[in-house]
Amino acid sequence: MSSVKVAEEAAALPRAWSSAALARVGTASVKVLRMDGLPVEEERHTEPEVLLVLDGRLELTVDGGAVTVGPGEMYVVGAGVAHAVRPGSRGTLVIVERSCGTLDE
Protein backbone atom coordinates (compact mmCIF):
# COMPACT_ATOMS: atom_id res chain seq x y z
CA MET A 1 0.00 0.00 0.00
CA SER A 2 1.20 3.51 -0.73
CA SER A 3 1.04 6.41 1.71
CA VAL A 4 -2.26 8.19 2.27
CA LYS A 5 -2.65 11.96 2.53
CA VAL A 6 -5.21 11.87 5.32
CA ALA A 7 -6.08 15.60 5.37
CA GLU A 8 -6.65 15.54 1.59
CA GLU A 9 -8.93 12.50 1.94
CA ALA A 10 -10.95 14.34 4.61
CA ALA A 11 -11.18 17.51 2.50
CA ALA A 12 -12.48 15.50 -0.47
CA LEU A 13 -15.44 14.07 1.46
CA PRO A 14 -18.82 15.27 0.17
CA ARG A 15 -19.98 16.51 3.59
CA ALA A 16 -18.81 16.87 7.15
CA TRP A 17 -19.28 13.92 9.51
CA SER A 18 -19.35 11.47 6.60
CA SER A 19 -16.41 9.11 6.90
CA ALA A 20 -14.20 7.34 4.39
CA ALA A 21 -12.45 4.07 5.18
CA LEU A 22 -8.72 4.44 4.52
CA ALA A 23 -7.54 0.97 5.53
CA ARG A 24 -8.29 -2.21 7.43
CA VAL A 25 -5.91 -3.55 10.06
CA GLY A 26 -6.98 -6.99 11.16
CA THR A 27 -10.59 -6.59 12.23
CA ALA A 28 -10.28 -2.81 12.65
CA SER A 29 -11.20 -0.12 10.18
CA VAL A 30 -9.28 3.16 9.96
CA LYS A 31 -11.58 6.00 8.90
CA VAL A 32 -11.20 9.73 8.36
CA LEU A 33 -13.79 12.47 8.57
CA ARG A 34 -14.06 16.22 8.58
CA MET A 35 -15.68 17.97 11.56
CA ASP A 36 -17.65 21.18 10.92
CA GLY A 37 -18.58 22.62 14.30
CA LEU A 38 -22.00 20.98 14.51
CA PRO A 39 -22.94 18.52 17.25
CA VAL A 40 -23.53 14.80 16.74
CA GLU A 41 -26.09 12.86 18.79
CA GLU A 42 -25.11 10.52 21.59
CA GLU A 43 -24.21 6.97 20.66
CA ARG A 44 -22.73 3.81 22.16
CA HIS A 45 -20.71 1.12 20.40
CA THR A 46 -20.35 -2.55 21.16
CA GLU A 47 -16.55 -2.25 20.84
CA PRO A 48 -14.09 0.47 21.94
CA GLU A 49 -13.07 3.11 19.40
CA VAL A 50 -10.04 5.36 19.08
CA LEU A 51 -10.57 9.02 18.17
CA LEU A 52 -7.39 10.75 16.92
CA VAL A 53 -7.50 14.48 16.14
CA LEU A 54 -5.04 15.41 13.40
CA ASP A 55 -5.90 19.11 13.36
CA GLY A 56 -8.52 21.24 15.06
CA ARG A 57 -10.25 19.94 18.16
CA LEU A 58 -12.92 17.45 19.16
CA GLU A 59 -15.38 18.47 21.88
CA LEU A 60 -17.06 15.44 23.45
CA THR A 61 -19.49 14.60 26.18
CA VAL A 62 -18.49 11.20 27.60
CA ASP A 63 -20.73 9.65 30.25
CA GLY A 64 -22.07 13.15 30.99
CA GLY A 65 -18.65 14.83 31.36
CA ALA A 66 -16.94 17.28 29.00
CA VAL A 67 -13.78 16.11 27.19
CA THR A 68 -11.65 18.14 24.77
CA VAL A 69 -9.23 16.35 22.44
CA GLY A 70 -6.70 18.62 20.74
CA PRO A 71 -4.45 18.26 17.70
CA GLY A 72 -2.14 15.28 17.94
CA GLU A 73 -4.16 13.82 20.83
CA MET A 74 -6.31 10.71 20.92
CA TYR A 75 -9.12 9.52 23.11
CA VAL A 76 -10.27 5.92 23.56
CA VAL A 77 -14.02 5.53 24.09
CA GLY A 78 -14.70 2.28 25.91
CA ALA A 79 -17.22 -0.29 24.72
CA GLY A 80 -20.75 0.65 25.75
CA VAL A 81 -19.78 4.17 26.89
CA ALA A 82 -22.24 6.92 25.94
CA HIS A 83 -20.56 9.72 23.98
CA ALA A 84 -21.66 12.66 21.85
CA VAL A 85 -19.94 15.43 19.91
CA ARG A 86 -20.53 18.91 21.31
CA PRO A 87 -20.77 22.05 19.16
CA GLY A 88 -17.40 23.55 18.22
CA SER A 89 -15.63 20.41 17.00
CA ARG A 90 -13.65 21.30 13.87
CA GLY A 91 -10.82 19.77 11.88
CA THR A 92 -9.75 16.31 10.78
CA LEU A 93 -10.55 13.22 12.82
CA VAL A 94 -9.27 9.65 12.39
CA ILE A 95 -11.38 6.87 13.90
CA VAL A 96 -10.14 3.32 14.48
CA GLU A 97 -12.93 0.86 15.23
CA ARG A 98 -14.23 -2.62 14.67
CA SER A 99 -17.31 -2.70 12.46
CA CYS A 100 -19.76 -4.17 14.97
CA GLY A 101 -22.48 -1.53 14.94
CA THR A 102 -23.88 0.49 17.80
CA LEU A 103 -25.74 -0.55 20.93
CA ASP A 104 -28.50 1.92 20.00
CA GLU A 105 -29.43 0.14 16.76
PDB file of N, CA and C in Angstrom:
ATOM      1  N   MET A   1       0.841  -1.180   0.000  1.00  0.00           N
ATOM      2  CA  MET A   1       0.000   0.000   0.000  1.00  0.00           C
ATOM      3  C   MET A   1       0.885   1.242   0.000  1.00  0.00           C
ATOM      4  N   SER A   2       0.461   2.249  -0.706  1.00  0.00           N
ATOM      5  CA  SER A   2       1.200   3.511  -0.726  1.00  0.00           C
ATOM      6  C   SER A   2       0.732   4.404   0.427  1.00  0.00           C
ATOM      7  N   SER A   3       1.428   5.502   0.627  1.00  0.00           N
ATOM      8  CA  SER A   3       1.040   6.414   1.706  1.00  0.00           C
ATOM      9  C   SER A   3      -0.288   7.097   1.374  1.00  0.00           C
ATOM     10  N   VAL A   4      -0.966   7.543   2.410  1.00  0.00           N
ATOM     11  CA  VAL A   4      -2.265   8.189   2.268  1.00  0.00           C
ATOM     12  C   VAL A   4      -2.160   9.603   2.820  1.00  0.00           C
ATOM     13  N   LYS A   5      -2.614  10.577   2.067  1.00  0.00           N
ATOM     14  CA  LYS A   5      -2.655  11.960   2.528  1.00  0.00           C
ATOM     15  C   LYS A   5      -3.997  12.155   3.231  1.00  0.00           C
ATOM     16  N   VAL A   6      -3.987  11.943   4.532  1.00  0.00           N
ATOM     17  CA  VAL A   6      -5.213  11.868   5.320  1.00  0.00           C
ATOM     18  C   VAL A   6      -6.007  13.172   5.245  1.00  0.00           C
ATOM     19  N   ALA A   7      -5.372  14.313   5.408  1.00  0.00           N
ATOM     20  CA  ALA A   7      -6.082  15.596   5.365  1.00  0.00           C
ATOM     21  C   ALA A   7      -6.736  15.812   4.000  1.00  0.00           C
ATOM     22  N   GLU A   8      -6.075  15.410   2.929  1.00  0.00           N
ATOM     23  CA  GLU A   8      -6.655  15.543   1.590  1.00  0.00           C
ATOM     24  C   GLU A   8      -7.863  14.625   1.428  1.00  0.00           C
ATOM     25  N   GLU A   9      -7.791  13.426   1.993  1.00  0.00           N
ATOM     26  CA  GLU A   9      -8.934  12.502   1.945  1.00  0.00           C
ATOM     27  C   GLU A   9     -10.126  13.108   2.684  1.00  0.00           C
ATOM     28  N   ALA A  10      -9.874  13.718   3.841  1.00  0.00           N
ATOM     29  CA  ALA A  10     -10.953  14.342   4.605  1.00  0.00           C
ATOM     30  C   ALA A  10     -11.561  15.516   3.847  1.00  0.00           C
ATOM     31  N   ALA A  11     -10.702  16.341   3.239  1.00  0.00           N
ATOM     32  CA  ALA A  11     -11.185  17.508   2.501  1.00  0.00           C
ATOM     33  C   ALA A  11     -12.025  17.110   1.287  1.00  0.00           C
ATOM     34  N   ALA A  12     -11.767  15.954   0.719  1.00  0.00           N
ATOM     35  CA  ALA A  12     -12.482  15.501  -0.473  1.00  0.00           C
ATOM     36  C   ALA A  12     -13.849  14.882  -0.162  1.00  0.00           C
ATOM     37  N   LEU A  13     -14.149  14.664   1.107  1.00  0.00           N
ATOM     38  CA  LEU A  13     -15.439  14.068   1.459  1.00  0.00           C
ATOM     39  C   LEU A  13     -16.581  15.002   1.070  1.00  0.00           C
ATOM     40  N   PRO A  14     -17.717  14.438   0.647  1.00  0.00           N
ATOM     41  CA  PRO A  14     -18.822  15.273   0.172  1.00  0.00           C
ATOM     42  C   PRO A  14     -19.469  16.136   1.243  1.00  0.00           C
ATOM     43  N   ARG A  15     -19.401  15.714   2.511  1.00  0.00           N
ATOM     44  CA  ARG A  15     -19.975  16.512   3.589  1.00  0.00           C
ATOM     45  C   ARG A  15     -19.268  16.179   4.903  1.00  0.00           C
ATOM     46  N   ALA A  16     -19.383  17.093   5.831  1.00  0.00           N
ATOM     47  CA  ALA A  16     -18.805  16.866   7.152  1.00  0.00           C
ATOM     48  C   ALA A  16     -19.517  15.712   7.836  1.00  0.00           C
ATOM     49  N   TRP A  17     -18.805  15.045   8.712  1.00  0.00           N
ATOM     50  CA  TRP A  17     -19.284  13.920   9.507  1.00  0.00           C
ATOM     51  C   TRP A  17     -19.585  12.684   8.677  1.00  0.00           C
ATOM     52  N   SER A  18     -19.296  12.708   7.375  1.00  0.00           N
ATOM     53  CA  SER A  18     -19.345  11.466   6.596  1.00  0.00           C
ATOM     54  C   SER A  18     -17.923  10.937   6.591  1.00  0.00           C
ATOM     55  N   SER A  19     -17.765   9.650   6.797  1.00  0.00           N
ATOM     56  CA  SER A  19     -16.412   9.107   6.903  1.00  0.00           C
ATOM     57  C   SER A  19     -16.041   8.316   5.662  1.00  0.00           C
ATOM     58  N   ALA A  20     -14.742   8.173   5.472  1.00  0.00           N
ATOM     59  CA  ALA A  20     -14.203   7.339   4.394  1.00  0.00           C
ATOM     60  C   ALA A  20     -13.225   6.361   5.031  1.00  0.00           C
ATOM     61  N   ALA A  21     -13.378   5.088   4.684  1.00  0.00           N
ATOM     62  CA  ALA A  21     -12.446   4.075   5.183  1.00  0.00           C
ATOM     63  C   ALA A  21     -11.139   4.202   4.413  1.00  0.00           C
ATOM     64  N   LEU A  22     -10.047   4.324   5.145  1.00  0.00           N
ATOM     65  CA  LEU A  22      -8.722   4.443   4.525  1.00  0.00           C
ATOM     66  C   LEU A  22      -8.005   3.105   4.459  1.00  0.00           C
ATOM     67  N   ALA A  23      -8.251   2.252   5.465  1.00  0.00           N
ATOM     68  CA  ALA A  23      -7.540   0.969   5.529  1.00  0.00           C
ATOM     69  C   ALA A  23      -8.233   0.056   6.526  1.00  0.00           C
ATOM     70  N   ARG A  24      -7.884  -1.227   6.426  1.00  0.00           N
ATOM     71  CA  ARG A  24      -8.293  -2.210   7.431  1.00  0.00           C
ATOM     72  C   ARG A  24      -7.028  -2.789   8.026  1.00  0.00           C
ATOM     73  N   VAL A  25      -7.039  -2.944   9.339  1.00  0.00           N
ATOM     74  CA  VAL A  25      -5.914  -3.546  10.059  1.00  0.00           C
ATOM     75  C   VAL A  25      -6.511  -4.657  10.905  1.00  0.00           C
ATOM     76  N   GLY A  26      -6.317  -5.884  10.482  1.00  0.00           N
ATOM     77  CA  GLY A  26      -6.976  -6.995  11.160  1.00  0.00           C
ATOM     78  C   GLY A  26      -8.470  -6.815  11.069  1.00  0.00           C
ATOM     79  N   THR A  27      -9.138  -6.774  12.214  1.00  0.00           N
ATOM     80  CA  THR A  27     -10.591  -6.589  12.232  1.00  0.00           C
ATOM     81  C   THR A  27     -10.984  -5.122  12.397  1.00  0.00           C
ATOM     82  N   ALA A  28     -10.004  -4.232  12.452  1.00  0.00           N
ATOM     83  CA  ALA A  28     -10.280  -2.811  12.653  1.00  0.00           C
ATOM     84  C   ALA A  28     -10.301  -2.049  11.336  1.00  0.00           C
ATOM     85  N   SER A  29     -11.118  -1.029  11.312  1.00  0.00           N
ATOM     86  CA  SER A  29     -11.204  -0.124  10.178  1.00  0.00           C
ATOM     87  C   SER A  29     -10.626   1.225  10.601  1.00  0.00           C
ATOM     88  N   VAL A  30      -9.831   1.836   9.724  1.00  0.00           N
ATOM     89  CA  VAL A  30      -9.277   3.161   9.964  1.00  0.00           C
ATOM     90  C   VAL A  30     -10.030   4.115   9.044  1.00  0.00           C
ATOM     91  N   LYS A  31     -10.734   5.076   9.650  1.00  0.00           N
ATOM     92  CA  LYS A  31     -11.578   6.001   8.895  1.00  0.00           C
ATOM     93  C   LYS A  31     -11.131   7.434   9.140  1.00  0.00           C
ATOM     94  N   VAL A  32     -11.469   8.302   8.206  1.00  0.00           N
ATOM     95  CA  VAL A  32     -11.203   9.729   8.365  1.00  0.00           C
ATOM     96  C   VAL A  32     -12.504  10.476   8.124  1.00  0.00           C
ATOM     97  N   LEU A  33     -12.652  11.596   8.830  1.00  0.00           N
ATOM     98  CA  LEU A  33     -13.789  12.471   8.570  1.00  0.00           C
ATOM     99  C   LEU A  33     -13.419  13.905   8.882  1.00  0.00           C
ATOM    100  N   ARG A  34     -14.258  14.790   8.387  1.00  0.00           N
ATOM    101  CA  ARG A  34     -14.063  16.221   8.579  1.00  0.00           C
ATOM    102  C   ARG A  34     -15.145  16.716   9.533  1.00  0.00           C
ATOM    103  N   MET A  35     -14.736  17.408  10.591  1.00  0.00           N
ATOM    104  CA  MET A  35     -15.677  17.967  11.559  1.00  0.00           C
ATOM    105  C   MET A  35     -15.986  19.408  11.161  1.00  0.00           C
ATOM    106  N   ASP A  36     -17.241  19.846  11.385  1.00  0.00           N
ATOM    107  CA  ASP A  36     -17.648  21.175  10.919  1.00  0.00           C
ATOM    108  C   ASP A  36     -18.253  22.075  11.981  1.00  0.00           C
ATOM    109  N   GLY A  37     -18.059  21.766  13.244  1.00  0.00           N
ATOM    110  CA  GLY A  37     -18.578  22.619  14.304  1.00  0.00           C
ATOM    111  C   GLY A  37     -19.942  22.218  14.824  1.00  0.00           C
ATOM    112  N   LEU A  38     -20.668  21.386  14.082  1.00  0.00           N
ATOM    113  CA  LEU A  38     -22.002  20.978  14.511  1.00  0.00           C
ATOM    114  C   LEU A  38     -21.937  19.777  15.451  1.00  0.00           C
ATOM    115  N   PRO A  39     -22.914  19.653  16.326  1.00  0.00           N
ATOM    116  CA  PRO A  39     -22.937  18.516  17.254  1.00  0.00           C
ATOM    117  C   PRO A  39     -23.375  17.234  16.559  1.00  0.00           C
ATOM    118  N   VAL A  40     -23.087  16.108  17.200  1.00  0.00           N
ATOM    119  CA  VAL A  40     -23.531  14.795  16.735  1.00  0.00           C
ATOM    120  C   VAL A  40     -24.178  14.110  17.941  1.00  0.00           C
ATOM    121  N   GLU A  41     -25.329  13.484  17.713  1.00  0.00           N
ATOM    122  CA  GLU A  41     -26.093  12.860  18.792  1.00  0.00           C
ATOM    123  C   GLU A  41     -25.300  11.793  19.533  1.00  0.00           C
ATOM    124  N   GLU A  42     -25.733  11.547  20.753  1.00  0.00           N
ATOM    125  CA  GLU A  42     -25.113  10.523  21.589  1.00  0.00           C
ATOM    126  C   GLU A  42     -25.252   9.141  20.956  1.00  0.00           C
ATOM    127  N   GLU A  43     -24.201   8.348  21.135  1.00  0.00           N
ATOM    128  CA  GLU A  43     -24.214   6.970  20.656  1.00  0.00           C
ATOM    129  C   GLU A  43     -23.382   6.110  21.589  1.00  0.00           C
ATOM    130  N   ARG A  44     -23.525   4.799  21.435  1.00  0.00           N
ATOM    131  CA  ARG A  44     -22.731   3.805  22.159  1.00  0.00           C
ATOM    132  C   ARG A  44     -22.361   2.733  21.157  1.00  0.00           C
ATOM    133  N   HIS A  45     -21.170   2.182  21.300  1.00  0.00           N
ATOM    134  CA  HIS A  45     -20.712   1.125  20.402  1.00  0.00           C
ATOM    135  C   HIS A  45     -20.462  -0.163  21.188  1.00  0.00           C
ATOM    136  N   THR A  46     -20.573  -1.264  20.513  1.00  0.00           N
ATOM    137  CA  THR A  46     -20.346  -2.551  21.161  1.00  0.00           C
ATOM    138  C   THR A  46     -18.871  -2.832  21.390  1.00  0.00           C
ATOM    139  N   GLU A  47     -18.003  -2.100  20.721  1.00  0.00           N
ATOM    140  CA  GLU A  47     -16.549  -2.246  20.843  1.00  0.00           C
ATOM    141  C   GLU A  47     -15.936  -0.879  21.136  1.00  0.00           C
ATOM    142  N   PRO A  48     -14.750  -0.820  21.744  1.00  0.00           N
ATOM    143  CA  PRO A  48     -14.087   0.472  21.938  1.00  0.00           C
ATOM    144  C   PRO A  48     -13.731   1.102  20.591  1.00  0.00           C
ATOM    145  N   GLU A  49     -13.541   2.417  20.602  1.00  0.00           N
ATOM    146  CA  GLU A  49     -13.075   3.108  19.403  1.00  0.00           C
ATOM    147  C   GLU A  49     -12.032   4.142  19.794  1.00  0.00           C
ATOM    148  N   VAL A  50     -11.099   4.375  18.886  1.00  0.00           N
ATOM    149  CA  VAL A  50     -10.042   5.360  19.084  1.00  0.00           C
ATOM    150  C   VAL A  50     -10.372   6.580  18.241  1.00  0.00           C
ATOM    151  N   LEU A  51     -10.321   7.756  18.850  1.00  0.00           N
ATOM    152  CA  LEU A  51     -10.565   9.021  18.171  1.00  0.00           C
ATOM    153  C   LEU A  51      -9.268   9.818  18.201  1.00  0.00           C
ATOM    154  N   LEU A  52      -8.679  10.057  17.041  1.00  0.00           N
ATOM    155  CA  LEU A  52      -7.394  10.747  16.921  1.00  0.00           C
ATOM    156  C   LEU A  52      -7.599  12.043  16.140  1.00  0.00           C
ATOM    157  N   VAL A  53      -7.343  13.170  16.781  1.00  0.00           N
ATOM    158  CA  VAL A  53      -7.504  14.478  16.144  1.00  0.00           C
ATOM    159  C   VAL A  53      -6.194  14.840  15.451  1.00  0.00           C
ATOM    160  N   LEU A  54      -6.245  14.996  14.134  1.00  0.00           N
ATOM    161  CA  LEU A  54      -5.044  15.407  13.398  1.00  0.00           C
ATOM    162  C   LEU A  54      -4.864  16.909  13.464  1.00  0.00           C
ATOM    163  N   ASP A  55      -5.945  17.658  13.245  1.00  0.00           N
ATOM    164  CA  ASP A  55      -5.903  19.111  13.356  1.00  0.00           C
ATOM    165  C   ASP A  55      -7.267  19.578  13.842  1.00  0.00           C
ATOM    166  N   GLY A  56      -7.282  20.733  14.485  1.00  0.00           N
ATOM    167  CA  GLY A  56      -8.518  21.239  15.061  1.00  0.00           C
ATOM    168  C   GLY A  56      -8.706  20.708  16.466  1.00  0.00           C
ATOM    169  N   ARG A  57      -9.985  20.504  16.846  1.00  0.00           N
ATOM    170  CA  ARG A  57     -10.254  19.939  18.164  1.00  0.00           C
ATOM    171  C   ARG A  57     -11.600  19.233  18.149  1.00  0.00           C
ATOM    172  N   LEU A  58     -11.708  18.236  18.993  1.00  0.00           N
ATOM    173  CA  LEU A  58     -12.920  17.448  19.157  1.00  0.00           C
ATOM    174  C   LEU A  58     -13.465  17.720  20.551  1.00  0.00           C
ATOM    175  N   GLU A  59     -14.704  18.191  20.610  1.00  0.00           N
ATOM    176  CA  GLU A  59     -15.385  18.469  21.875  1.00  0.00           C
ATOM    177  C   GLU A  59     -16.393  17.357  22.110  1.00  0.00           C
ATOM    178  N   LEU A  60     -16.201  16.576  23.159  1.00  0.00           N
ATOM    179  CA  LEU A  60     -17.061  15.435  23.454  1.00  0.00           C
ATOM    180  C   LEU A  60     -17.778  15.603  24.784  1.00  0.00           C
ATOM    181  N   THR A  61     -18.885  14.889  24.897  1.00  0.00           N
ATOM    182  CA  THR A  61     -19.493  14.596  26.184  1.00  0.00           C
ATOM    183  C   THR A  61     -19.386  13.088  26.327  1.00  0.00           C
ATOM    184  N   VAL A  62     -18.698  12.634  27.369  1.00  0.00           N
ATOM    185  CA  VAL A  62     -18.487  11.201  27.603  1.00  0.00           C
ATOM    186  C   VAL A  62     -19.054  10.865  28.974  1.00  0.00           C
ATOM    187  N   ASP A  63     -20.051  10.007  28.991  1.00  0.00           N
ATOM    188  CA  ASP A  63     -20.734   9.649  30.249  1.00  0.00           C
ATOM    189  C   ASP A  63     -21.131  10.891  31.046  1.00  0.00           C
ATOM    190  N   GLY A  64     -21.589  11.927  30.343  1.00  0.00           N
ATOM    191  CA  GLY A  64     -22.068  13.147  30.992  1.00  0.00           C
ATOM    192  C   GLY A  64     -21.010  14.193  31.283  1.00  0.00           C
ATOM    193  N   GLY A  65     -19.729  13.875  31.099  1.00  0.00           N
ATOM    194  CA  GLY A  65     -18.652  14.830  31.365  1.00  0.00           C
ATOM    195  C   GLY A  65     -18.043  15.391  30.096  1.00  0.00           C
ATOM    196  N   ALA A  66     -17.550  16.613  30.150  1.00  0.00           N
ATOM    197  CA  ALA A  66     -16.936  17.275  29.001  1.00  0.00           C
ATOM    198  C   ALA A  66     -15.492  16.801  28.818  1.00  0.00           C
ATOM    199  N   VAL A  67     -15.141  16.515  27.562  1.00  0.00           N
ATOM    200  CA  VAL A  67     -13.782  16.106  27.193  1.00  0.00           C
ATOM    201  C   VAL A  67     -13.383  16.885  25.945  1.00  0.00           C
ATOM    202  N   THR A  68     -12.202  17.470  25.954  1.00  0.00           N
ATOM    203  CA  THR A  68     -11.652  18.136  24.769  1.00  0.00           C
ATOM    204  C   THR A  68     -10.420  17.374  24.323  1.00  0.00           C
ATOM    205  N   VAL A  69     -10.369  17.052  23.024  1.00  0.00           N
ATOM    206  CA  VAL A  69      -9.231  16.346  22.440  1.00  0.00           C
ATOM    207  C   VAL A  69      -8.623  17.285  21.405  1.00  0.00           C
ATOM    208  N   GLY A  70      -7.360  17.654  21.604  1.00  0.00           N
ATOM    209  CA  GLY A  70      -6.704  18.618  20.737  1.00  0.00           C
ATOM    210  C   GLY A  70      -5.885  17.966  19.636  1.00  0.00           C
ATOM    211  N   PRO A  71      -5.248  18.780  18.810  1.00  0.00           N
ATOM    212  CA  PRO A  71      -4.447  18.263  17.697  1.00  0.00           C
ATOM    213  C   PRO A  71      -3.308  17.377  18.190  1.00  0.00           C
ATOM    214  N   GLY A  72      -3.181  16.221  17.556  1.00  0.00           N
ATOM    215  CA  GLY A  72      -2.143  15.277  17.940  1.00  0.00           C
ATOM    216  C   GLY A  72      -2.506  14.429  19.143  1.00  0.00           C
ATOM    217  N   GLU A  73      -3.711  14.601  19.684  1.00  0.00           N
ATOM    218  CA  GLU A  73      -4.157  13.817  20.830  1.00  0.00           C
ATOM    219  C   GLU A  73      -5.183  12.779  20.387  1.00  0.00           C
ATOM    220  N   MET A  74      -5.290  11.712  21.190  1.00  0.00           N
ATOM    221  CA  MET A  74      -6.312  10.711  20.916  1.00  0.00           C
ATOM    222  C   MET A  74      -7.063  10.394  22.187  1.00  0.00           C
ATOM    223  N   TYR A  75      -8.276   9.903  21.995  1.00  0.00           N
ATOM    224  CA  TYR A  75      -9.122   9.522  23.112  1.00  0.00           C
ATOM    225  C   TYR A  75      -9.705   8.158  22.782  1.00  0.00           C
ATOM    226  N   VAL A  76      -9.693   7.242  23.751  1.00  0.00           N
ATOM    227  CA  VAL A  76     -10.273   5.919  23.562  1.00  0.00           C
ATOM    228  C   VAL A  76     -11.611   5.891  24.286  1.00  0.00           C
ATOM    229  N   VAL A  77     -12.679   5.667  23.526  1.00  0.00           N
ATOM    230  CA  VAL A  77     -14.016   5.534  24.095  1.00  0.00           C
ATOM    231  C   VAL A  77     -14.239   4.045  24.330  1.00  0.00           C
ATOM    232  N   GLY A  78     -14.501   3.677  25.558  1.00  0.00           N
ATOM    233  CA  GLY A  78     -14.703   2.279  25.905  1.00  0.00           C
ATOM    234  C   GLY A  78     -15.987   1.703  25.324  1.00  0.00           C
ATOM    235  N   ALA A  79     -16.035   0.404  25.203  1.00  0.00           N
ATOM    236  CA  ALA A  79     -17.223  -0.291  24.720  1.00  0.00           C
ATOM    237  C   ALA A  79     -18.412   0.041  25.620  1.00  0.00           C
ATOM    238  N   GLY A  80     -19.525   0.382  25.013  1.00  0.00           N
ATOM    239  CA  GLY A  80     -20.748   0.655  25.748  1.00  0.00           C
ATOM    240  C   GLY A  80     -20.833   2.015  26.405  1.00  0.00           C
ATOM    241  N   VAL A  81     -19.799   2.849  26.250  1.00  0.00           N
ATOM    242  CA  VAL A  81     -19.776   4.166  26.895  1.00  0.00           C
ATOM    243  C   VAL A  81     -20.529   5.180  26.031  1.00  0.00           C
ATOM    244  N   ALA A  82     -21.479   5.883  26.643  1.00  0.00           N
ATOM    245  CA  ALA A  82     -22.239   6.915  25.941  1.00  0.00           C
ATOM    246  C   ALA A  82     -21.324   8.096  25.634  1.00  0.00           C
ATOM    247  N   HIS A  83     -21.353   8.551  24.371  1.00  0.00           N
ATOM    248  CA  HIS A  83     -20.564   9.715  23.982  1.00  0.00           C
ATOM    249  C   HIS A  83     -21.270  10.473  22.863  1.00  0.00           C
ATOM    250  N   ALA A  84     -21.075  11.784  22.859  1.00  0.00           N
ATOM    251  CA  ALA A  84     -21.664  12.662  21.852  1.00  0.00           C
ATOM    252  C   ALA A  84     -20.669  13.755  21.522  1.00  0.00           C
ATOM    253  N   VAL A  85     -20.793  14.314  20.324  1.00  0.00           N
ATOM    254  CA  VAL A  85     -19.940  15.429  19.912  1.00  0.00           C
ATOM    255  C   VAL A  85     -20.670  16.724  20.242  1.00  0.00           C
ATOM    256  N   ARG A  86     -19.981  17.603  20.965  1.00  0.00           N
ATOM    257  CA  ARG A  86     -20.529  18.906  21.308  1.00  0.00           C
ATOM    258  C   ARG A  86     -20.254  19.898  20.190  1.00  0.00           C
ATOM    259  N   PRO A  87     -21.034  20.993  20.147  1.00  0.00           N
ATOM    260  CA  PRO A  87     -20.766  22.047  19.162  1.00  0.00           C
ATOM    261  C   PRO A  87     -19.340  22.571  19.305  1.00  0.00           C
ATOM    262  N   GLY A  88     -18.743  22.972  18.203  1.00  0.00           N
ATOM    263  CA  GLY A  88     -17.403  23.547  18.216  1.00  0.00           C
ATOM    264  C   GLY A  88     -16.301  22.611  17.763  1.00  0.00           C
ATOM    265  N   SER A  89     -16.638  21.368  17.473  1.00  0.00           N
ATOM    266  CA  SER A  89     -15.630  20.411  16.997  1.00  0.00           C
ATOM    267  C   SER A  89     -15.322  20.706  15.533  1.00  0.00           C
ATOM    268  N   ARG A  90     -14.064  20.969  15.239  1.00  0.00           N
ATOM    269  CA  ARG A  90     -13.647  21.303  13.874  1.00  0.00           C
ATOM    270  C   ARG A  90     -12.312  20.652  13.572  1.00  0.00           C
ATOM    271  N   GLY A  91     -12.100  20.305  12.299  1.00  0.00           N
ATOM    272  CA  GLY A  91     -10.819  19.773  11.876  1.00  0.00           C
ATOM    273  C   GLY A  91     -10.930  18.389  11.298  1.00  0.00           C
ATOM    274  N   THR A  92      -9.835  17.645  11.382  1.00  0.00           N
ATOM    275  CA  THR A  92      -9.746  16.312  10.783  1.00  0.00           C
ATOM    276  C   THR A  92      -9.627  15.276  11.888  1.00  0.00           C
ATOM    277  N   LEU A  93     -10.479  14.260  11.806  1.00  0.00           N
ATOM    278  CA  LEU A  93     -10.549  13.219  12.822  1.00  0.00           C
ATOM    279  C   LEU A  93     -10.327  11.862  12.179  1.00  0.00           C
ATOM    280  N   VAL A  94      -9.467  11.046  12.798  1.00  0.00           N
ATOM    281  CA  VAL A  94      -9.268   9.654  12.393  1.00  0.00           C
ATOM    282  C   VAL A  94      -9.921   8.776  13.454  1.00  0.00           C
ATOM    283  N   ILE A  95     -10.704   7.803  13.004  1.00  0.00           N
ATOM    284  CA  ILE A  95     -11.384   6.867  13.897  1.00  0.00           C
ATOM    285  C   ILE A  95     -10.889   5.463  13.592  1.00  0.00           C
ATOM    286  N   VAL A  96     -10.517   4.731  14.631  1.00  0.00           N
ATOM    287  CA  VAL A  96     -10.140   3.323  14.476  1.00  0.00           C
ATOM    288  C   VAL A  96     -11.160   2.525  15.276  1.00  0.00           C
ATOM    289  N   GLU A  97     -11.866   1.629  14.578  1.00  0.00           N
ATOM    290  CA  GLU A  97     -12.928   0.863  15.227  1.00  0.00           C
ATOM    291  C   GLU A  97     -13.153  -0.469  14.527  1.00  0.00           C
ATOM    292  N   ARG A  98     -13.737  -1.383  15.272  1.00  0.00           N
ATOM    293  CA  ARG A  98     -14.229  -2.616  14.667  1.00  0.00           C
ATOM    294  C   ARG A  98     -15.613  -2.329  14.143  1.00  0.00           C
ATOM    295  N   SER A  99     -15.988  -2.940  13.061  1.00  0.00           N
ATOM    296  CA  SER A  99     -17.306  -2.699  12.465  1.00  0.00           C
ATOM    297  C   SER A  99     -18.324  -3.654  13.069  1.00  0.00           C
ATOM    298  N   CYS A 100     -18.792  -3.320  14.265  1.00  0.00           N
ATOM    299  CA  CYS A 100     -19.763  -4.175  14.974  1.00  0.00           C
ATOM    300  C   CYS A 100     -21.063  -3.463  15.227  1.00  0.00           C
ATOM    301  N   GLY A 101     -21.231  -2.244  14.738  1.00  0.00           N
ATOM    302  CA  GLY A 101     -22.485  -1.533  14.937  1.00  0.00           C
ATOM    303  C   GLY A 101     -22.522  -0.796  16.254  1.00  0.00           C
ATOM    304  N   THR A 102     -23.702  -0.240  16.571  1.00  0.00           N
ATOM    305  CA  THR A 102     -23.883   0.494  17.803  1.00  0.00           C
ATOM    306  C   THR A 102     -24.855  -0.253  18.704  1.00  0.00           C
ATOM    307  N   LEU A 103     -24.814   0.043  19.977  1.00  0.00           N
ATOM    308  CA  LEU A 103     -25.740  -0.551  20.929  1.00  0.00           C
ATOM    309  C   LEU A 103     -27.129   0.035  20.768  1.00  0.00           C
ATOM    310  N   ASP A 104     -27.223   1.226  20.146  1.00  0.00           N
ATOM    311  CA  ASP A 104     -28.502   1.918  20.005  1.00  0.00           C
ATOM    312  C   ASP A 104     -29.297   1.428  18.798  1.00  0.00           C
ATOM    313  N   GLU A 105     -28.733   0.589  17.974  1.00  0.00           N
ATOM    314  CA  GLU A 105     -29.434   0.143  16.758  1.00  0.00           C
ATOM    315  C   GLU A 105     -30.489  -0.878  17.089  1.00  0.00           C
TER     316      GLU A 105
END
